[in-house]
Amino acid sequence: MRYLTAGESHGKYLAGILEGFPAGVRVTKQYIAAQLKRRRQAPGRSARQAIETDSFEVVSGIQKEITTGAPITVLIKNIKVFNELPFSSVPRPGHADLAGMLKYDTLNAALIRERASARETAARVALGSFALRLNELLGVCINSRIVSLGGLNEITAQSAAVELKRARAAGDTLGGVFEITAENLPAGLGNFNQWDAKLTSRMAAALMSVNGVKGFELGGGFKLATLSGLAAAKTPELSGGLDGGVTNGRALVMRCAIKPVPGLKAGTPSINLKTFKNTEAVSKTSDTTAVFAAAVIAEHAAALTLAGALLEKFGGDTFEEIKQRVKLWRLKTGKKLAYGCAVSMPMAVRRPAKR
């Protein structure tokens, strides 16, 4: 299974194509719309999100809300459209502007911003909705939660609202950490035979591709570096659900660090690459934080990668085939997982009774 997205932040449409998705999966328009709404209305978003409605159309790969097995194409209409792209030779520090201007040998940062914008992730969420639904129907539950926001490590709706209000009033932005969990995954997804088949690296790549992510941690992550081998053996849950790049039957637990949004209303020091004079890059439409929206996007990025791993493991062109194979595999591996192996359970745990 693979996917592509296309379109610019202020173009007429965003587009996404999902290929290799099985036939027979029921995905309603309301389900996709709800996922897009979660991304759009996440706390800390900019004023543009009040403009965009993410009106979309699935133009191929589905009939009467049931996938057909053909490539799925989704079009999302942009409300805010530029008929003529503005010119800006002032790159915004912390964004893709400067790197992109150098890469494509252009003085117009707007050309870079249009595609590098996080607006692209709306298409990923739309496609990810299909993968999220497939995971759900196979019993896999993918969720996210906010671990920290700015300096807050105990997050409640009230404390987050207060912190966002403070940052917004100061013209500042916030970073943070979110956690993605995938529960009830079948054991054996991924492969250790080749480096690029390891689910560890694939999940890291998927989540690191989300705009603003600067750090990735699996399970205990950096905490494991501080433990002795004996201590680590007693806390196998710190593996995060993957050993050797393969799922071990435990919950998959990943955390990502999001940088503060670099666009500031007060401006940041920059240079005009046309005149080579010092100036400031001002952003009037930046989010106060991307942490909440990024968590939603990451759920869908994770779902796409996990759906691909499920299809690799179990094959099948139709949902019914896949469902039966997953069911049989769970029955086959269930007893081993219930008793636990030394590599996935603490030492001196219960073992099978002698016959």
Protein backbone atom coordinates (compact mmCIF):
# COMPACT_ATOMS: atom_id res chain seq x y z
CA MET A 1 0.00 0.00 0.00
CA ARG A 2 1.28 3.46 -0.84
CA TYR A 3 -0.03 7.00 -1.03
CA LEU A 4 0.75 10.36 -2.61
CA THR A 5 -0.50 13.87 -1.95
CA ALA A 6 -0.46 16.94 -4.19
CA GLY A 7 -1.60 20.54 -4.13
CA GLU A 8 -0.54 23.82 -2.56
CA SER A 9 -1.64 25.69 0.54
CA HIS A 10 -3.55 28.32 -1.45
CA GLY A 11 -4.21 26.36 -4.62
CA LYS A 12 -7.71 25.35 -5.67
CA TYR A 13 -7.46 21.81 -4.33
CA LEU A 14 -5.42 19.39 -2.27
CA ALA A 15 -5.35 15.86 -3.64
CA GLY A 16 -4.48 12.46 -2.25
CA ILE A 17 -4.22 9.02 -3.85
CA LEU A 18 -4.18 5.78 -1.84
CA GLU A 19 -3.19 2.66 -3.77
CA GLY A 20 -3.35 -0.97 -2.67
CA PHE A 21 -6.20 -0.52 -0.20
CA PRO A 22 -8.46 -3.61 -0.01
CA ALA A 23 -12.01 -3.85 -1.28
CA GLY A 24 -14.97 -4.21 1.05
CA VAL A 25 -14.13 -1.64 3.75
CA ARG A 26 -17.03 0.64 4.66
CA VAL A 27 -15.85 4.23 5.14
CA THR A 28 -18.53 6.91 5.31
CA LYS A 29 -18.16 10.52 4.26
CA GLN A 30 -19.16 11.50 7.79
CA TYR A 31 -16.26 9.47 9.20
CA ILE A 32 -13.71 11.22 6.98
CA ALA A 33 -15.26 14.63 7.71
CA ALA A 34 -15.01 13.98 11.46
CA GLN A 35 -11.29 13.20 11.17
CA LEU A 36 -10.66 16.35 9.13
CA LYS A 37 -12.59 18.36 11.71
CA ARG A 38 -10.38 17.01 14.51
CA ARG A 39 -7.32 18.31 12.69
CA ARG A 40 -8.91 21.63 11.75
CA GLN A 41 -10.39 22.46 15.14
CA ALA A 42 -7.52 21.32 17.34
CA PRO A 43 -6.62 23.84 20.09
CA GLY A 44 -4.06 26.49 19.20
CA ARG A 45 -4.91 26.77 15.50
CA SER A 46 -4.68 29.96 13.46
CA ALA A 47 -7.52 32.07 12.12
CA ARG A 48 -7.29 30.34 8.75
CA GLN A 49 -8.86 27.22 10.23
CA ALA A 50 -12.05 29.23 10.77
CA ILE A 51 -12.07 29.96 7.04
CA GLU A 52 -11.38 26.49 5.67
CA THR A 53 -14.18 23.93 5.79
CA ASP A 54 -12.21 21.03 4.26
CA SER A 55 -15.04 20.28 1.86
CA PHE A 56 -13.96 17.12 0.05
CA GLU A 57 -14.98 14.56 -2.52
CA VAL A 58 -13.85 10.95 -2.92
CA VAL A 59 -13.72 10.67 -6.70
CA SER A 60 -12.48 7.09 -7.12
CA GLY A 61 -12.02 3.79 -5.33
CA ILE A 62 -15.34 3.77 -3.48
CA GLN A 63 -18.95 2.98 -4.35
CA LYS A 64 -21.84 3.46 -1.94
CA GLU A 65 -19.35 3.98 0.92
CA ILE A 66 -17.59 0.64 0.25
CA THR A 67 -14.03 0.56 -1.09
CA THR A 68 -13.61 -1.24 -4.43
CA GLY A 69 -9.91 -2.10 -4.38
CA ALA A 70 -9.14 0.53 -7.03
CA PRO A 71 -6.90 3.51 -6.16
CA ILE A 72 -8.72 5.93 -3.86
CA THR A 73 -8.61 9.60 -4.84
CA VAL A 74 -9.67 12.40 -2.50
CA LEU A 75 -9.97 16.08 -3.46
CA ILE A 76 -10.18 18.78 -0.77
CA LYS A 77 -11.29 22.24 -1.80
CA ASN A 78 -9.41 25.25 -0.43
CA ILE A 79 -11.46 28.32 0.45
CA LYS A 80 -8.53 30.74 0.66
CA VAL A 81 -7.07 30.67 -2.86
CA PHE A 82 -4.38 32.86 -4.44
CA ASN A 83 -5.16 33.64 -8.07
CA GLU A 84 -1.65 35.02 -8.31
CA LEU A 85 1.08 33.92 -5.94
CA PRO A 86 2.60 36.83 -3.97
CA PHE A 87 6.34 37.47 -4.11
CA SER A 88 8.49 37.37 -1.00
CA SER A 89 12.27 37.25 -0.94
CA VAL A 90 12.39 37.20 2.87
CA PRO A 91 12.71 33.64 4.26
CA ARG A 92 11.12 32.91 7.62
CA PRO A 93 13.63 31.38 10.06
CA GLY A 94 12.66 27.90 11.23
CA HIS A 95 10.52 27.22 8.17
CA ALA A 96 11.42 25.45 4.91
CA ASP A 97 11.77 28.83 3.15
CA LEU A 98 15.56 29.25 3.02
CA ALA A 99 16.39 25.58 2.43
CA GLY A 100 13.79 25.43 -0.34
CA MET A 101 14.93 28.68 -1.95
CA LEU A 102 18.46 27.30 -2.10
CA LYS A 103 17.32 23.90 -3.35
CA TYR A 104 15.16 25.23 -6.19
CA ASP A 105 17.31 28.31 -6.92
CA THR A 106 14.50 30.83 -6.48
CA LEU A 107 14.16 34.20 -4.78
CA ASN A 108 10.45 33.70 -4.14
CA ALA A 109 9.89 32.09 -0.75
CA ALA A 110 6.17 31.85 -1.50
CA LEU A 111 6.86 29.08 -4.01
CA ILE A 112 8.38 27.03 -1.19
CA ARG A 113 5.77 27.87 1.44
CA GLU A 114 2.89 26.73 -0.72
CA ARG A 115 3.95 23.08 -0.80
CA ALA A 116 5.94 22.88 2.45
CA SER A 117 2.92 24.20 4.37
CA ALA A 118 1.20 21.96 6.91
CA ARG A 119 -1.96 22.50 4.87
CA GLU A 120 -0.78 19.39 2.95
CA THR A 121 -1.55 17.28 6.00
CA ALA A 122 -5.29 17.70 5.40
CA ALA A 123 -4.87 15.35 2.43
CA ARG A 124 -2.91 12.91 4.60
CA VAL A 125 -5.65 12.89 7.22
CA ALA A 126 -8.27 12.25 4.55
CA LEU A 127 -6.33 9.25 3.21
CA GLY A 128 -5.39 8.18 6.72
CA SER A 129 -9.08 7.98 7.58
CA PHE A 130 -9.35 4.90 5.37
CA ALA A 131 -6.36 3.30 7.10
CA LEU A 132 -7.65 4.26 10.54
CA ARG A 133 -10.99 2.62 9.75
CA LEU A 134 -9.29 -0.55 8.51
CA ASN A 135 -7.29 -0.77 11.74
CA GLU A 136 -10.45 -0.28 13.80
CA LEU A 137 -12.32 -3.01 11.95
CA LEU A 138 -9.41 -5.38 12.59
CA GLY A 139 -9.50 -4.60 16.32
CA VAL A 140 -6.53 -2.21 16.40
CA CYS A 141 -7.11 0.96 18.43
CA ILE A 142 -4.93 4.00 17.60
CA ASN A 143 -5.07 7.01 19.92
CA SER A 144 -3.10 10.10 20.86
CA ARG A 145 -2.65 12.23 23.95
CA ILE A 146 -0.72 15.37 24.81
CA VAL A 147 2.13 14.68 27.23
CA SER A 148 3.40 18.24 27.61
CA LEU A 149 2.68 21.74 26.31
CA GLY A 150 5.39 24.34 26.67
CA GLY A 151 6.46 24.00 30.30
CA LEU A 152 3.31 22.14 31.36
CA ASN A 153 3.73 18.45 32.10
CA GLU A 154 0.31 17.91 33.68
CA ILE A 155 -2.14 18.63 30.88
CA THR A 156 -5.84 19.27 31.42
CA ALA A 157 -8.24 21.09 29.13
CA GLN A 158 -8.26 24.02 31.55
CA SER A 159 -4.49 24.26 32.05
CA ALA A 160 -3.87 23.98 28.30
CA ALA A 161 -6.41 26.73 27.57
CA VAL A 162 -4.75 29.04 30.10
CA GLU A 163 -1.28 28.39 28.68
CA LEU A 164 -2.46 28.94 25.10
CA LYS A 165 -4.18 32.19 26.09
CA ARG A 166 -1.01 33.41 27.79
CA ALA A 167 1.17 32.59 24.78
CA ARG A 168 -1.30 34.14 22.33
CA ALA A 169 -1.45 37.38 24.33
CA ALA A 170 2.34 37.55 24.36
CA GLY A 171 2.58 36.91 20.63
CA ASP A 172 4.47 33.73 21.45
CA THR A 173 4.16 30.09 20.40
CA LEU A 174 4.50 26.75 22.19
CA GLY A 175 6.01 23.36 21.52
CA GLY A 176 5.30 20.13 23.33
CA VAL A 177 5.19 16.36 23.26
CA PHE A 178 2.42 14.02 22.13
CA GLU A 179 2.07 10.26 22.47
CA ILE A 180 0.64 7.81 19.94
CA THR A 181 -0.51 4.36 21.04
CA ALA A 182 -1.69 1.43 18.94
CA GLU A 183 -3.29 -1.31 21.02
CA ASN A 184 -4.24 -4.88 20.12
CA LEU A 185 -1.83 -5.11 17.19
CA PRO A 186 -1.19 -8.65 15.97
CA ALA A 187 2.29 -9.89 16.82
CA GLY A 188 4.67 -10.34 13.91
CA LEU A 189 4.14 -7.15 11.91
CA GLY A 190 7.33 -5.82 10.36
CA ASN A 191 10.51 -7.67 9.48
CA PHE A 192 14.08 -7.70 10.76
CA ASN A 193 15.60 -9.26 7.63
CA GLN A 194 16.28 -5.91 5.98
CA TRP A 195 16.83 -2.48 7.50
CA ASP A 196 14.02 -0.80 5.61
CA ALA A 197 11.50 -3.51 6.50
CA LYS A 198 11.78 -2.89 10.25
CA LEU A 199 8.56 -1.42 11.57
CA THR A 200 10.62 0.66 14.01
CA SER A 201 12.23 2.70 11.25
CA ARG A 202 9.02 2.89 9.26
CA MET A 203 7.03 4.27 12.19
CA ALA A 204 9.79 6.76 12.96
CA ALA A 205 9.81 7.93 9.35
CA ALA A 206 6.01 8.27 9.28
CA LEU A 207 5.83 10.33 12.45
CA MET A 208 8.95 12.39 11.75
CA SER A 209 7.35 13.40 8.44
CA VAL A 210 4.68 15.35 10.32
CA ASN A 211 5.42 19.09 10.16
CA GLY A 212 7.19 20.41 13.24
CA VAL A 213 8.27 17.05 14.69
CA LYS A 214 11.88 17.23 15.90
CA GLY A 215 12.15 14.14 18.06
CA PHE A 216 10.89 10.55 18.13
CA GLU A 217 10.91 8.05 20.99
CA LEU A 218 9.72 4.45 21.08
CA GLY A 219 8.61 2.97 24.39
CA GLY A 220 11.08 3.91 27.12
CA GLY A 221 13.23 5.64 24.53
CA PHE A 222 16.00 7.64 26.13
CA LYS A 223 15.02 6.41 29.59
CA LEU A 224 16.27 2.96 28.58
CA ALA A 225 19.75 4.41 28.18
CA THR A 226 19.83 5.12 31.92
CA LEU A 227 18.82 1.59 33.02
CA SER A 228 20.94 -1.45 33.67
CA GLY A 229 20.29 -4.64 31.77
CA LEU A 230 18.71 -6.23 34.84
CA ALA A 231 16.37 -3.28 35.35
CA ALA A 232 15.41 -3.22 31.68
CA ALA A 233 14.65 -6.96 31.74
CA LYS A 234 12.12 -6.36 34.51
CA THR A 235 10.33 -3.63 32.54
CA PRO A 236 9.83 -5.10 29.04
CA GLU A 237 6.94 -2.72 28.40
CA LEU A 238 9.61 -0.08 27.81
CA SER A 239 10.30 -1.79 24.47
CA GLY A 240 7.25 0.09 23.22
CA GLY A 241 5.71 -2.91 21.50
CA LEU A 242 8.52 -3.56 19.02
CA ASP A 243 11.52 -5.87 19.27
CA GLY A 244 13.89 -6.19 16.34
CA GLY A 245 11.55 -4.06 14.26
CA VAL A 246 8.66 -6.53 14.75
CA THR A 247 5.50 -6.14 16.87
CA ASN A 248 5.62 -8.35 19.98
CA GLY A 249 1.95 -8.28 21.00
CA ARG A 250 2.27 -5.41 23.42
CA ALA A 251 0.85 -1.94 22.84
CA LEU A 252 2.88 0.18 20.44
CA VAL A 253 3.84 3.38 22.27
CA MET A 254 5.57 6.31 20.56
CA ARG A 255 6.22 9.91 21.54
CA CYS A 256 7.11 12.89 19.38
CA ALA A 257 8.56 16.29 20.28
CA ILE A 258 7.08 19.27 18.44
CA LYS A 259 9.04 22.50 18.16
CA PRO A 260 7.36 25.85 18.90
CA VAL A 261 5.78 27.28 15.74
CA PRO A 262 8.59 29.47 14.31
CA GLY A 263 6.30 32.10 12.77
CA LEU A 264 5.93 34.98 15.25
CA LYS A 265 3.63 37.99 14.95
CA ALA A 266 6.34 40.24 16.39
CA GLY A 267 8.69 39.08 13.66
CA THR A 268 12.02 37.26 13.63
CA PRO A 269 15.37 38.54 12.28
CA SER A 270 15.90 37.61 8.64
CA ILE A 271 17.44 38.94 5.43
CA ASN A 272 16.02 40.00 2.10
CA LEU A 273 17.77 37.68 -0.36
CA LYS A 274 17.07 40.09 -3.23
CA THR A 275 18.59 43.19 -1.63
CA PHE A 276 20.74 41.43 1.02
CA LYS A 277 19.50 43.88 3.63
CA ASN A 278 18.61 42.88 7.16
CA THR A 279 14.89 42.78 7.85
CA GLU A 280 12.26 40.88 9.81
CA ALA A 281 10.02 38.02 8.76
CA VAL A 282 6.55 38.57 10.16
CA SER A 283 3.87 35.88 10.34
CA LYS A 284 0.32 37.03 11.01
CA THR A 285 -1.43 33.69 10.56
CA SER A 286 0.68 31.20 12.53
CA ASP A 287 -0.76 28.70 14.98
CA THR A 288 -0.08 29.32 18.66
CA THR A 289 0.87 25.66 18.89
CA ALA A 290 0.90 22.72 16.49
CA VAL A 291 1.03 20.04 19.19
CA PHE A 292 -2.68 19.19 19.25
CA ALA A 293 -3.14 19.18 15.48
CA ALA A 294 0.11 17.26 14.96
CA ALA A 295 -1.11 14.53 17.31
CA VAL A 296 -4.20 14.03 15.15
CA ILE A 297 -2.13 14.03 11.96
CA ALA A 298 0.30 11.55 13.52
CA GLU A 299 -2.56 9.15 14.33
CA HIS A 300 -3.36 9.00 10.63
CA ALA A 301 0.29 8.77 9.58
CA ALA A 302 0.69 5.85 12.00
CA ALA A 303 -2.53 4.25 10.75
CA LEU A 304 -1.30 4.34 7.14
CA THR A 305 1.99 2.67 8.06
CA LEU A 306 0.32 0.05 10.26
CA ALA A 307 -2.30 -0.70 7.61
CA GLY A 308 0.53 -1.30 5.17
CA ALA A 309 2.23 -3.65 7.63
CA LEU A 310 -1.03 -5.55 8.19
CA LEU A 311 -1.53 -6.01 4.45
CA GLU A 312 2.07 -7.20 4.04
CA LYS A 313 1.65 -9.78 6.77
CA PHE A 314 -1.81 -11.10 5.92
CA GLY A 315 -2.30 -10.25 2.24
CA GLY A 316 -5.71 -10.42 0.62
CA ASP A 317 -7.57 -8.23 -1.86
CA THR A 318 -10.77 -8.03 0.18
CA PHE A 319 -11.51 -7.10 3.76
CA GLU A 320 -13.19 -10.44 4.46
CA GLU A 321 -10.02 -12.33 3.47
CA ILE A 322 -7.87 -10.14 5.68
CA LYS A 323 -10.28 -10.30 8.63
CA GLN A 324 -10.32 -14.11 8.59
CA ARG A 325 -6.54 -14.33 8.37
CA VAL A 326 -6.06 -11.90 11.24
CA LYS A 327 -8.58 -13.85 13.32
CA LEU A 328 -6.78 -17.15 12.70
CA TRP A 329 -3.41 -15.57 13.46
CA ARG A 330 -4.67 -14.16 16.75
CA LEU A 331 -5.91 -17.64 17.71
CA LYS A 332 -2.58 -19.16 16.78
CA THR A 333 -0.44 -16.65 18.68
CA GLY A 334 -2.84 -15.99 21.56
CA LYS A 335 -1.65 -18.80 23.85
CA LYS A 336 2.00 -17.85 23.49
CA LEU A 337 1.21 -14.21 24.19
CA ALA A 338 -0.96 -15.11 27.19
CA TYR A 339 1.83 -17.06 28.87
CA GLY A 340 4.53 -14.72 27.70
CA CYS A 341 8.05 -15.39 26.54
CA ALA A 342 11.17 -14.37 28.42
CA VAL A 343 11.83 -11.63 25.87
CA SER A 344 8.44 -9.97 26.31
CA MET A 345 7.59 -10.58 29.97
CA PRO A 346 9.46 -9.91 33.21
CA MET A 347 11.76 -12.59 34.56
CA ALA A 348 10.27 -15.08 37.01
CA VAL A 349 6.73 -14.57 35.77
CA ARG A 350 4.11 -17.28 35.55
CA ARG A 351 4.93 -20.06 33.13
CA PRO A 352 2.88 -22.86 31.58
CA ALA A 353 1.94 -25.53 34.12
CA LYS A 354 3.67 -28.89 33.68
CA ARG A 355 1.50 -31.53 32.08
